[in-house]
Amino acid sequence: MDKPGGLGTFKWRCVEEKGWMGFKDPASAQYLGYHEYGLLFCRSPHHRNNEYLCPRMRPEGGFVLLVRHDDHLRLLGVFANESESEIRRKFRIMDWSSEEIVWDFIEVQH
């Protein structure tokens, strides 16, 4: 993961646990997930509830990622935090009416 506009990590190892997808950064061996405030991060050494993801295909193409939040699924979206000096975009779990992030998945042979 990187700042918006940065290259960040674009190769992830897909894993499955109890039917849930997860994404592990091969460089850091950490899983993509979210912390208690709903912000996306990649600092978890395990694949558990906050790292359980559900990709869903969009009719227009690409995928959205849904995250397990309590007993339901929530959209992974973009949150803009505005201050006088800048606008900072953060990735976090959002309501369905939020701006979604569109993901693409490509299988890579090692």
PDB file of N, CA and C in Angstrom:
ATOM      1  N   MET A   1       0.852  -1.167   0.000  1.00  0.00           N
ATOM      2  CA  MET A   1       0.000   0.000   0.000  1.00  0.00           C
ATOM      3  C   MET A   1       0.896   1.226   0.000  1.00  0.00           C
ATOM      4  N   ASP A   2       0.380   2.263  -0.594  1.00  0.00           N
ATOM      5  CA  ASP A   2       1.158   3.482  -0.735  1.00  0.00           C
ATOM      6  C   ASP A   2       0.207   4.660  -0.655  1.00  0.00           C
ATOM      7  N   LYS A   3       0.773   5.856  -0.660  1.00  0.00           N
ATOM      8  CA  LYS A   3      -0.045   7.067  -0.696  1.00  0.00           C
ATOM      9  C   LYS A   3      -0.841   7.085  -2.001  1.00  0.00           C
ATOM     10  N   PRO A   4      -2.018   7.711  -2.036  1.00  0.00           N
ATOM     11  CA  PRO A   4      -2.752   7.845  -3.290  1.00  0.00           C
ATOM     12  C   PRO A   4      -1.868   8.482  -4.353  1.00  0.00           C
ATOM     13  N   GLY A   5      -1.883   7.909  -5.539  1.00  0.00           N
ATOM     14  CA  GLY A   5      -1.047   8.393  -6.625  1.00  0.00           C
ATOM     15  C   GLY A   5       0.285   7.673  -6.694  1.00  0.00           C
ATOM     16  N   GLY A   6       0.663   6.968  -5.627  1.00  0.00           N
ATOM     17  CA  GLY A   6       1.903   6.209  -5.621  1.00  0.00           C
ATOM     18  C   GLY A   6       1.702   4.857  -6.281  1.00  0.00           C
ATOM     19  N   LEU A   7       2.792   4.165  -6.528  1.00  0.00           N
ATOM     20  CA  LEU A   7       2.691   2.858  -7.167  1.00  0.00           C
ATOM     21  C   LEU A   7       2.198   1.789  -6.204  1.00  0.00           C
ATOM     22  N   GLY A   8       2.634   1.845  -4.958  1.00  0.00           N
ATOM     23  CA  GLY A   8       2.161   0.882  -3.977  1.00  0.00           C
ATOM     24  C   GLY A   8       2.443  -0.547  -4.400  1.00  0.00           C
ATOM     25  N   THR A   9       1.725  -1.466  -3.798  1.00  0.00           N
ATOM     26  CA  THR A   9       1.856  -2.874  -4.132  1.00  0.00           C
ATOM     27  C   THR A   9       0.761  -3.232  -5.109  1.00  0.00           C
ATOM     28  N   PHE A  10       1.143  -3.799  -6.225  1.00  0.00           N
ATOM     29  CA  PHE A  10       0.122  -4.180  -7.191  1.00  0.00           C
ATOM     30  C   PHE A  10       0.091  -5.680  -7.415  1.00  0.00           C
ATOM     31  N   LYS A  11       0.974  -6.427  -6.778  1.00  0.00           N
ATOM     32  CA  LYS A  11       0.930  -7.887  -6.827  1.00  0.00           C
ATOM     33  C   LYS A  11       0.617  -8.399  -5.429  1.00  0.00           C
ATOM     34  N   TRP A  12      -0.440  -9.184  -5.351  1.00  0.00           N
ATOM     35  CA  TRP A  12      -0.869  -9.760  -4.082  1.00  0.00           C
ATOM     36  C   TRP A  12      -1.046 -11.257  -4.271  1.00  0.00           C
ATOM     37  N   ARG A  13      -0.778 -12.014  -3.251  1.00  0.00           N
ATOM     38  CA  ARG A  13      -1.040 -13.450  -3.281  1.00  0.00           C
ATOM     39  C   ARG A  13      -2.456 -13.660  -2.751  1.00  0.00           C
ATOM     40  N   CYS A  14      -3.302 -14.290  -3.554  1.00  0.00           N
ATOM     41  CA  CYS A  14      -4.678 -14.572  -3.135  1.00  0.00           C
ATOM     42  C   CYS A  14      -4.680 -15.825  -2.263  1.00  0.00           C
ATOM     43  N   VAL A  15      -5.378 -15.761  -1.152  1.00  0.00           N
ATOM     44  CA  VAL A  15      -5.520 -16.901  -0.253  1.00  0.00           C
ATOM     45  C   VAL A  15      -7.005 -17.078   0.053  1.00  0.00           C
ATOM     46  N   GLU A  16      -7.358 -18.262   0.507  1.00  0.00           N
ATOM     47  CA  GLU A  16      -8.744 -18.519   0.878  1.00  0.00           C
ATOM     48  C   GLU A  16      -8.773 -19.201   2.241  1.00  0.00           C
ATOM     49  N   GLU A  17      -9.656 -18.738   3.092  1.00  0.00           N
ATOM     50  CA  GLU A  17      -9.819 -19.286   4.442  1.00  0.00           C
ATOM     51  C   GLU A  17     -11.304 -19.314   4.761  1.00  0.00           C
ATOM     52  N   LYS A  18     -11.850 -20.495   5.007  1.00  0.00           N
ATOM     53  CA  LYS A  18     -13.268 -20.652   5.349  1.00  0.00           C
ATOM     54  C   LYS A  18     -14.174 -20.018   4.291  1.00  0.00           C
ATOM     55  N   GLY A  19     -13.767 -20.069   3.035  1.00  0.00           N
ATOM     56  CA  GLY A  19     -14.555 -19.506   1.944  1.00  0.00           C
ATOM     57  C   GLY A  19     -14.338 -18.026   1.707  1.00  0.00           C
ATOM     58  N   TRP A  20     -13.552 -17.360   2.542  1.00  0.00           N
ATOM     59  CA  TRP A  20     -13.275 -15.927   2.401  1.00  0.00           C
ATOM     60  C   TRP A  20     -11.961 -15.727   1.668  1.00  0.00           C
ATOM     61  N   MET A  21     -11.936 -14.755   0.774  1.00  0.00           N
ATOM     62  CA  MET A  21     -10.700 -14.409   0.081  1.00  0.00           C
ATOM     63  C   MET A  21      -9.875 -13.480   0.963  1.00  0.00           C
ATOM     64  N   GLY A  22      -8.585 -13.520   0.723  1.00  0.00           N
ATOM     65  CA  GLY A  22      -7.672 -12.613   1.399  1.00  0.00           C
ATOM     66  C   GLY A  22      -6.531 -12.283   0.462  1.00  0.00           C
ATOM     67  N   PHE A  23      -5.869 -11.181   0.707  1.00  0.00           N
ATOM     68  CA  PHE A  23      -4.758 -10.747  -0.139  1.00  0.00           C
ATOM     69  C   PHE A  23      -3.539 -10.505   0.735  1.00  0.00           C
ATOM     70  N   LYS A  24      -2.471 -11.234   0.401  1.00  0.00           N
ATOM     71  CA  LYS A  24      -1.231 -11.174   1.173  1.00  0.00           C
ATOM     72  C   LYS A  24      -0.152 -10.524   0.320  1.00  0.00           C
ATOM     73  N   ASP A  25       0.501  -9.520   0.867  1.00  0.00           N
ATOM     74  CA  ASP A  25       1.604  -8.854   0.177  1.00  0.00           C
ATOM     75  C   ASP A  25       2.812  -9.783   0.231  1.00  0.00           C
ATOM     76  N   PRO A  26       3.305 -10.264  -0.927  1.00  0.00           N
ATOM     77  CA  PRO A  26       4.431 -11.199  -0.901  1.00  0.00           C
ATOM     78  C   PRO A  26       5.714 -10.591  -0.331  1.00  0.00           C
ATOM     79  N   ALA A  27       5.881  -9.281  -0.430  1.00  0.00           N
ATOM     80  CA  ALA A  27       7.105  -8.643   0.068  1.00  0.00           C
ATOM     81  C   ALA A  27       7.125  -8.557   1.594  1.00  0.00           C
ATOM     82  N   SER A  28       5.992  -8.199   2.204  1.00  0.00           N
ATOM     83  CA  SER A  28       5.962  -8.011   3.662  1.00  0.00           C
ATOM     84  C   SER A  28       5.345  -9.193   4.405  1.00  0.00           C
ATOM     85  N   ALA A  29       4.683 -10.108   3.678  1.00  0.00           N
ATOM     86  CA  ALA A  29       3.962 -11.250   4.261  1.00  0.00           C
ATOM     87  C   ALA A  29       2.811 -10.788   5.161  1.00  0.00           C
ATOM     88  N   GLN A  30       2.294  -9.582   4.936  1.00  0.00           N
ATOM     89  CA  GLN A  30       1.177  -9.035   5.704  1.00  0.00           C
ATOM     90  C   GLN A  30      -0.098  -9.080   4.853  1.00  0.00           C
ATOM     91  N   TYR A  31      -1.237  -9.164   5.524  1.00  0.00           N
ATOM     92  CA  TYR A  31      -2.530  -9.245   4.843  1.00  0.00           C
ATOM     93  C   TYR A  31      -3.210  -7.885   4.764  1.00  0.00           C
ATOM     94  N   LEU A  32      -3.936  -7.691   3.668  1.00  0.00           N
ATOM     95  CA  LEU A  32      -4.761  -6.510   3.490  1.00  0.00           C
ATOM     96  C   LEU A  32      -5.980  -6.652   4.391  1.00  0.00           C
ATOM     97  N   GLY A  33      -6.294  -5.616   5.146  1.00  0.00           N
ATOM     98  CA  GLY A  33      -7.434  -5.658   6.050  1.00  0.00           C
ATOM     99  C   GLY A  33      -7.800  -4.255   6.500  1.00  0.00           C
ATOM    100  N   TYR A  34      -8.562  -4.154   7.565  1.00  0.00           N
ATOM    101  CA  TYR A  34      -8.929  -2.844   8.097  1.00  0.00           C
ATOM    102  C   TYR A  34      -8.852  -2.887   9.616  1.00  0.00           C
ATOM    103  N   HIS A  35      -8.609  -1.719  10.220  1.00  0.00           N
ATOM    104  CA  HIS A  35      -8.564  -1.665  11.682  1.00  0.00           C
ATOM    105  C   HIS A  35      -9.894  -1.154  12.220  1.00  0.00           C
ATOM    106  N   GLU A  36      -9.981  -0.967  13.525  1.00  0.00           N
ATOM    107  CA  GLU A  36     -11.262  -0.680  14.182  1.00  0.00           C
ATOM    108  C   GLU A  36     -11.956   0.584  13.702  1.00  0.00           C
ATOM    109  N   TYR A  37     -11.245   1.511  13.079  1.00  0.00           N
ATOM    110  CA  TYR A  37     -11.876   2.725  12.549  1.00  0.00           C
ATOM    111  C   TYR A  37     -12.294   2.559  11.093  1.00  0.00           C
ATOM    112  N   GLY A  38     -12.125   1.366  10.552  1.00  0.00           N
ATOM    113  CA  GLY A  38     -12.555   1.080   9.195  1.00  0.00           C
ATOM    114  C   GLY A  38     -11.571   1.461   8.117  1.00  0.00           C
ATOM    115  N   LEU A  39     -10.379   1.932   8.477  1.00  0.00           N
ATOM    116  CA  LEU A  39      -9.392   2.319   7.468  1.00  0.00           C
ATOM    117  C   LEU A  39      -8.633   1.101   6.970  1.00  0.00           C
ATOM    118  N   LEU A  40      -8.408   1.058   5.669  1.00  0.00           N
ATOM    119  CA  LEU A  40      -7.687  -0.034   5.036  1.00  0.00           C
ATOM    120  C   LEU A  40      -6.209   0.043   5.396  1.00  0.00           C
ATOM    121  N   PHE A  41      -5.615  -1.106   5.673  1.00  0.00           N
ATOM    122  CA  PHE A  41      -4.184  -1.145   5.945  1.00  0.00           C
ATOM    123  C   PHE A  41      -3.639  -2.527   5.631  1.00  0.00           C
ATOM    124  N   CYS A  42      -2.349  -2.655   5.615  1.00  0.00           N
ATOM    125  CA  CYS A  42      -1.700  -3.926   5.314  1.00  0.00           C
ATOM    126  C   CYS A  42      -0.630  -4.165   6.378  1.00  0.00           C
ATOM    127  N   ARG A  43      -1.073  -4.548   7.567  1.00  0.00           N
ATOM    128  CA  ARG A  43      -0.143  -4.766   8.675  1.00  0.00           C
ATOM    129  C   ARG A  43      -0.526  -5.966   9.522  1.00  0.00           C
ATOM    130  N   SER A  44      -1.321  -6.845   8.988  1.00  0.00           N
ATOM    131  CA  SER A  44      -1.774  -7.986   9.779  1.00  0.00           C
ATOM    132  C   SER A  44      -1.034  -9.254   9.352  1.00  0.00           C
ATOM    133  N   PRO A  45      -0.445  -9.973  10.300  1.00  0.00           N
ATOM    134  CA  PRO A  45       0.275 -11.194   9.948  1.00  0.00           C
ATOM    135  C   PRO A  45      -0.640 -12.408   9.772  1.00  0.00           C
ATOM    136  N   HIS A  46      -1.945 -12.235   9.966  1.00  0.00           N
ATOM    137  CA  HIS A  46      -2.878 -13.359   9.872  1.00  0.00           C
ATOM    138  C   HIS A  46      -4.072 -12.997   8.988  1.00  0.00           C
ATOM    139  N   HIS A  47      -4.810 -14.019   8.581  1.00  0.00           N
ATOM    140  CA  HIS A  47      -6.003 -13.862   7.749  1.00  0.00           C
ATOM    141  C   HIS A  47      -7.209 -14.241   8.610  1.00  0.00           C
ATOM    142  N   ARG A  48      -7.817 -13.233   9.233  1.00  0.00           N
ATOM    143  CA  ARG A  48      -8.968 -13.442  10.119  1.00  0.00           C
ATOM    144  C   ARG A  48     -10.084 -12.475   9.737  1.00  0.00           C
ATOM    145  N   ASN A  49     -11.042 -12.256  10.638  1.00  0.00           N
ATOM    146  CA  ASN A  49     -12.248 -11.472  10.331  1.00  0.00           C
ATOM    147  C   ASN A  49     -11.981 -10.158   9.613  1.00  0.00           C
ATOM    148  N   ASN A  50     -11.061  -9.336  10.084  1.00  0.00           N
ATOM    149  CA  ASN A  50     -10.826  -8.025   9.466  1.00  0.00           C
ATOM    150  C   ASN A  50     -10.048  -8.115   8.163  1.00  0.00           C
ATOM    151  N   GLU A  51      -9.605  -9.293   7.798  1.00  0.00           N
ATOM    152  CA  GLU A  51      -8.896  -9.490   6.533  1.00  0.00           C
ATOM    153  C   GLU A  51      -9.722 -10.323   5.555  1.00  0.00           C
ATOM    154  N   TYR A  52     -10.949 -10.692   5.933  1.00  0.00           N
ATOM    155  CA  TYR A  52     -11.821 -11.459   5.041  1.00  0.00           C
ATOM    156  C   TYR A  52     -12.426 -10.521   4.005  1.00  0.00           C
ATOM    157  N   LEU A  53     -12.222 -10.834   2.734  1.00  0.00           N
ATOM    158  CA  LEU A  53     -12.703  -9.997   1.634  1.00  0.00           C
ATOM    159  C   LEU A  53     -13.559 -10.816   0.681  1.00  0.00           C
ATOM    160  N   CYS A  54     -14.462 -10.138   0.008  1.00  0.00           N
ATOM    161  CA  CYS A  54     -15.345 -10.780  -0.957  1.00  0.00           C
ATOM    162  C   CYS A  54     -15.353  -9.944  -2.235  1.00  0.00           C
ATOM    163  N   PRO A  55     -14.625 -10.377  -3.284  1.00  0.00           N
ATOM    164  CA  PRO A  55     -14.679  -9.637  -4.544  1.00  0.00           C
ATOM    165  C   PRO A  55     -16.028  -9.878  -5.228  1.00  0.00           C
ATOM    166  N   ARG A  56     -16.605  -8.827  -5.776  1.00  0.00           N
ATOM    167  CA  ARG A  56     -17.873  -8.957  -6.500  1.00  0.00           C
ATOM    168  C   ARG A  56     -17.739  -8.255  -7.841  1.00  0.00           C
ATOM    169  N   MET A  57     -18.073  -8.992  -8.922  1.00  0.00           N
ATOM    170  CA  MET A  57     -17.953  -8.449 -10.270  1.00  0.00           C
ATOM    171  C   MET A  57     -18.995  -7.364 -10.508  1.00  0.00           C
ATOM    172  N   ARG A  58     -18.570  -6.286 -11.160  1.00  0.00           N
ATOM    173  CA  ARG A  58     -19.461  -5.183 -11.525  1.00  0.00           C
ATOM    174  C   ARG A  58     -19.963  -5.403 -12.949  1.00  0.00           C
ATOM    175  N   PRO A  59     -21.218  -5.077 -13.260  1.00  0.00           N
ATOM    176  CA  PRO A  59     -21.722  -5.211 -14.630  1.00  0.00           C
ATOM    177  C   PRO A  59     -20.909  -4.388 -15.635  1.00  0.00           C
ATOM    178  N   GLU A  60     -20.356  -3.237 -15.186  1.00  0.00           N
ATOM    179  CA  GLU A  60     -19.571  -2.362 -16.067  1.00  0.00           C
ATOM    180  C   GLU A  60     -18.148  -2.860 -16.262  1.00  0.00           C
ATOM    181  N   GLY A  61     -17.749  -3.895 -15.550  1.00  0.00           N
ATOM    182  CA  GLY A  61     -16.386  -4.404 -15.602  1.00  0.00           C
ATOM    183  C   GLY A  61     -15.650  -4.126 -14.312  1.00  0.00           C
ATOM    184  N   GLY A  62     -14.645  -4.906 -14.045  1.00  0.00           N
ATOM    185  CA  GLY A  62     -13.879  -4.774 -12.816  1.00  0.00           C
ATOM    186  C   GLY A  62     -14.631  -5.366 -11.635  1.00  0.00           C
ATOM    187  N   PHE A  63     -14.054  -5.211 -10.473  1.00  0.00           N
ATOM    188  CA  PHE A  63     -14.615  -5.771  -9.253  1.00  0.00           C
ATOM    189  C   PHE A  63     -14.658  -4.709  -8.159  1.00  0.00           C
ATOM    190  N   VAL A  64     -15.571  -4.877  -7.227  1.00  0.00           N
ATOM    191  CA  VAL A  64     -15.521  -4.128  -5.974  1.00  0.00           C
ATOM    192  C   VAL A  64     -15.150  -5.134  -4.894  1.00  0.00           C
ATOM    193  N   LEU A  65     -14.554  -4.645  -3.827  1.00  0.00           N
ATOM    194  CA  LEU A  65     -14.228  -5.509  -2.697  1.00  0.00           C
ATOM    195  C   LEU A  65     -15.173  -5.205  -1.553  1.00  0.00           C
ATOM    196  N   LEU A  66     -15.760  -6.255  -1.030  1.00  0.00           N
ATOM    197  CA  LEU A  66     -16.614  -6.152   0.139  1.00  0.00           C
ATOM    198  C   LEU A  66     -15.850  -6.734   1.312  1.00  0.00           C
ATOM    199  N   VAL A  67     -16.003  -6.135   2.470  1.00  0.00           N
ATOM    200  CA  VAL A  67     -15.339  -6.632   3.666  1.00  0.00           C
ATOM    201  C   VAL A  67     -16.383  -7.093   4.669  1.00  0.00           C
ATOM    202  N   ARG A  68     -16.014  -8.074   5.444  1.00  0.00           N
ATOM    203  CA  ARG A  68     -16.900  -8.561   6.495  1.00  0.00           C
ATOM    204  C   ARG A  68     -16.854  -7.561   7.642  1.00  0.00           C
ATOM    205  N   HIS A  69     -18.020  -7.061   8.022  1.00  0.00           N
ATOM    206  CA  HIS A  69     -18.112  -6.102   9.120  1.00  0.00           C
ATOM    207  C   HIS A  69     -19.270  -6.531   9.999  1.00  0.00           C
ATOM    208  N   ASP A  70     -18.978  -7.065  11.165  1.00  0.00           N
ATOM    209  CA  ASP A  70     -19.972  -7.689  12.036  1.00  0.00           C
ATOM    210  C   ASP A  70     -20.646  -8.817  11.270  1.00  0.00           C
ATOM    211  N   ASP A  71     -21.968  -8.756  11.100  1.00  0.00           N
ATOM    212  CA  ASP A  71     -22.660  -9.856  10.428  1.00  0.00           C
ATOM    213  C   ASP A  71     -23.104  -9.503   9.008  1.00  0.00           C
ATOM    214  N   HIS A  72     -22.485  -8.497   8.386  1.00  0.00           N
ATOM    215  CA  HIS A  72     -22.856  -8.144   7.017  1.00  0.00           C
ATOM    216  C   HIS A  72     -21.620  -7.723   6.219  1.00  0.00           C
ATOM    217  N   LEU A  73     -21.823  -7.480   4.933  1.00  0.00           N
ATOM    218  CA  LEU A  73     -20.744  -7.048   4.045  1.00  0.00           C
ATOM    219  C   LEU A  73     -20.854  -5.554   3.792  1.00  0.00           C
ATOM    220  N   ARG A  74     -19.694  -4.887   3.759  1.00  0.00           N
ATOM    221  CA  ARG A  74     -19.671  -3.452   3.453  1.00  0.00           C
ATOM    222  C   ARG A  74     -18.668  -3.205   2.347  1.00  0.00           C
ATOM    223  N   LEU A  75     -18.946  -2.187   1.576  1.00  0.00           N
ATOM    224  CA  LEU A  75     -18.131  -1.816   0.429  1.00  0.00           C
ATOM    225  C   LEU A  75     -16.831  -1.164   0.870  1.00  0.00           C
ATOM    226  N   LEU A  76     -15.744  -1.504   0.195  1.00  0.00           N
ATOM    227  CA  LEU A  76     -14.481  -0.815   0.398  1.00  0.00           C
ATOM    228  C   LEU A  76     -14.484   0.384  -0.535  1.00  0.00           C
ATOM    229  N   GLY A  77     -14.473   1.581   0.014  1.00  0.00           N
ATOM    230  CA  GLY A  77     -14.602   2.800  -0.781  1.00  0.00           C
ATOM    231  C   GLY A  77     -13.530   3.818  -0.470  1.00  0.00           C
ATOM    232  N   VAL A  78     -13.733   5.022  -0.982  1.00  0.00           N
ATOM    233  CA  VAL A  78     -12.784   6.120  -0.807  1.00  0.00           C
ATOM    234  C   VAL A  78     -13.421   7.165   0.093  1.00  0.00           C
ATOM    235  N   PHE A  79     -12.663   7.635   1.059  1.00  0.00           N
ATOM    236  CA  PHE A  79     -13.118   8.654   1.995  1.00  0.00           C
ATOM    237  C   PHE A  79     -12.199   9.856   1.847  1.00  0.00           C
ATOM    238  N   ALA A  80     -12.759  11.025   1.606  1.00  0.00           N
ATOM    239  CA  ALA A  80     -11.946  12.240   1.469  1.00  0.00           C
ATOM    240  C   ALA A  80     -11.987  13.010   2.778  1.00  0.00           C
ATOM    241  N   ASN A  81     -10.821  13.278   3.328  1.00  0.00           N
ATOM    242  CA  ASN A  81     -10.691  14.049   4.559  1.00  0.00           C
ATOM    243  C   ASN A  81     -10.122  15.409   4.177  1.00  0.00           C
ATOM    244  N   GLU A  82     -10.954  16.437   4.225  1.00  0.00           N
ATOM    245  CA  GLU A  82     -10.529  17.760   3.767  1.00  0.00           C
ATOM    246  C   GLU A  82     -10.096  18.640   4.929  1.00  0.00           C
ATOM    247  N   SER A  83      -8.988  19.335   4.735  1.00  0.00           N
ATOM    248  CA  SER A  83      -8.538  20.349   5.688  1.00  0.00           C
ATOM    249  C   SER A  83      -8.255  21.615   4.893  1.00  0.00           C
ATOM    250  N   GLU A  84      -7.850  22.669   5.560  1.00  0.00           N
ATOM    251  CA  GLU A  84      -7.570  23.923   4.853  1.00  0.00           C
ATOM    252  C   GLU A  84      -6.402  23.789   3.890  1.00  0.00           C
ATOM    253  N   SER A  85      -5.458  22.938   4.202  1.00  0.00           N
ATOM    254  CA  SER A  85      -4.242  22.854   3.389  1.00  0.00           C
ATOM    255  C   SER A  85      -4.274  21.761   2.328  1.00  0.00           C
ATOM    256  N   GLU A  86      -5.113  20.737   2.502  1.00  0.00           N
ATOM    257  CA  GLU A  86      -5.083  19.636   1.544  1.00  0.00           C
ATOM    258  C   GLU A  86      -6.330  18.773   1.653  1.00  0.00           C
ATOM    259  N   ILE A  87      -6.485  17.938   0.648  1.00  0.00           N
ATOM    260  CA  ILE A  87      -7.513  16.902   0.672  1.00  0.00           C
ATOM    261  C   ILE A  87      -6.781  15.572   0.685  1.00  0.00           C
ATOM    262  N   ARG A  88      -7.014  14.779   1.711  1.00  0.00           N
ATOM    263  CA  ARG A  88      -6.373  13.475   1.817  1.00  0.00           C
ATOM    264  C   ARG A  88      -7.423  12.406   1.587  1.00  0.00           C
ATOM    265  N   ARG A  89      -7.153  11.519   0.656  1.00  0.00           N
ATOM    266  CA  ARG A  89      -8.068  10.410   0.402  1.00  0.00           C
ATOM    267  C   ARG A  89      -7.587   9.191   1.170  1.00  0.00           C
ATOM    268  N   LYS A  90      -8.534   8.523   1.801  1.00  0.00           N
ATOM    269  CA  LYS A  90      -8.224   7.312   2.538  1.00  0.00           C
ATOM    270  C   LYS A  90      -9.156   6.214   2.064  1.00  0.00           C
ATOM    271  N   PHE A  91      -8.666   5.017   2.075  1.00  0.00           N
ATOM    272  CA  PHE A  91      -9.474   3.865   1.718  1.00  0.00           C
ATOM    273  C   PHE A  91     -10.049   3.282   2.994  1.00  0.00           C
ATOM    274  N   ARG A  92     -11.359   3.071   2.990  1.00  0.00           N
ATOM    275  CA  ARG A  92     -11.999   2.556   4.194  1.00  0.00           C
ATOM    276  C   ARG A  92     -13.299   1.867   3.840  1.00  0.00           C
ATOM    277  N   ILE A  93     -13.860   1.167   4.810  1.00  0.00           N
ATOM    278  CA  ILE A  93     -15.154   0.546   4.581  1.00  0.00           C
ATOM    279  C   ILE A  93     -16.217   1.630   4.638  1.00  0.00           C
ATOM    280  N   MET A  94     -17.172   1.540   3.732  1.00  0.00           N
ATOM    281  CA  MET A  94     -18.148   2.608   3.555  1.00  0.00           C
ATOM    282  C   MET A  94     -19.544   2.015   3.378  1.00  0.00           C
ATOM    283  N   ASP A  95     -20.516   2.904   3.313  1.00  0.00           N
ATOM    284  CA  ASP A  95     -21.874   2.505   2.978  1.00  0.00           C
ATOM    285  C   ASP A  95     -21.976   2.318   1.472  1.00  0.00           C
ATOM    286  N   TRP A  96     -23.055   1.694   1.035  1.00  0.00           N
ATOM    287  CA  TRP A  96     -23.220   1.376  -0.385  1.00  0.00           C
ATOM    288  C   TRP A  96     -23.301   2.612  -1.266  1.00  0.00           C
ATOM    289  N   SER A  97     -23.658   3.751  -0.728  1.00  0.00           N
ATOM    290  CA  SER A  97     -23.790   4.960  -1.544  1.00  0.00           C
ATOM    291  C   SER A  97     -22.451   5.670  -1.751  1.00  0.00           C
ATOM    292  N   SER A  98     -21.366   5.129  -1.228  1.00  0.00           N
ATOM    293  CA  SER A  98     -20.056   5.775  -1.301  1.00  0.00           C
ATOM    294  C   SER A  98     -19.396   5.568  -2.657  1.00  0.00           C
ATOM    295  N   GLU A  99     -18.348   6.360  -2.894  1.00  0.00           N
ATOM    296  CA  GLU A  99     -17.541   6.185  -4.102  1.00  0.00           C
ATOM    297  C   GLU A  99     -16.758   4.883  -3.968  1.00  0.00           C
ATOM    298  N   GLU A 100     -16.980   3.981  -4.906  1.00  0.00           N
ATOM    299  CA  GLU A 100     -16.327   2.681  -4.828  1.00  0.00           C
ATOM    300  C   GLU A 100     -14.951   2.704  -5.483  1.00  0.00           C
ATOM    301  N   ILE A 101     -14.139   1.735  -5.117  1.00  0.00           N
ATOM    302  CA  ILE A 101     -12.846   1.524  -5.754  1.00  0.00           C
ATOM    303  C   ILE A 101     -13.028   0.340  -6.686  1.00  0.00           C
ATOM    304  N   VAL A 102     -12.611   0.473  -7.924  1.00  0.00           N
ATOM    305  CA  VAL A 102     -12.726  -0.612  -8.893  1.00  0.00           C
ATOM    306  C   VAL A 102     -11.382  -1.320  -8.982  1.00  0.00           C
ATOM    307  N   TRP A 103     -11.414  -2.632  -8.814  1.00  0.00           N
ATOM    308  CA  TRP A 103     -10.216  -3.461  -8.827  1.00  0.00           C
ATOM    309  C   TRP A 103     -10.228  -4.349 -10.062  1.00  0.00           C
ATOM    310  N   ASP A 104      -9.062  -4.696 -10.546  1.00  0.00           N
ATOM    311  CA  ASP A 104      -8.902  -5.696 -11.601  1.00  0.00           C
ATOM    312  C   ASP A 104      -7.994  -6.786 -11.070  1.00  0.00           C
ATOM    313  N   PHE A 105      -8.248  -8.006 -11.488  1.00  0.00           N
ATOM    314  CA  PHE A 105      -7.440  -9.139 -11.063  1.00  0.00           C
ATOM    315  C   PHE A 105      -6.884  -9.838 -12.289  1.00  0.00           C
ATOM    316  N   ILE A 106      -5.600 -10.104 -12.256  1.00  0.00           N
ATOM    317  CA  ILE A 106      -4.915 -10.782 -13.352  1.00  0.00           C
ATOM    318  C   ILE A 106      -4.114 -11.922 -12.748  1.00  0.00           C
ATOM    319  N   GLU A 107      -4.285 -13.119 -13.290  1.00  0.00           N
ATOM    320  CA  GLU A 107      -3.512 -14.252 -12.791  1.00  0.00           C
ATOM    321  C   GLU A 107      -2.088 -14.162 -13.318  1.00  0.00           C
ATOM    322  N   VAL A 108      -1.137 -14.311 -12.423  1.00  0.00           N
ATOM    323  CA  VAL A 108       0.278 -14.242 -12.783  1.00  0.00           C
ATOM    324  C   VAL A 108       0.898 -15.600 -12.512  1.00  0.00           C
ATOM    325  N   GLN A 109       1.565 -16.146 -13.507  1.00  0.00           N
ATOM    326  CA  GLN A 109       2.265 -17.416 -13.341  1.00  0.00           C
ATOM    327  C   GLN A 109       3.658 -17.151 -12.802  1.00  0.00           C
ATOM    328  N   HIS A 110       4.072 -17.925 -11.819  1.00  0.00           N
ATOM    329  CA  HIS A 110       5.413 -17.745 -11.234  1.00  0.00           C
ATOM    330  C   HIS A 110       6.426 -18.557 -11.993  1.00  0.00           C
TER     331      HIS A 110
END
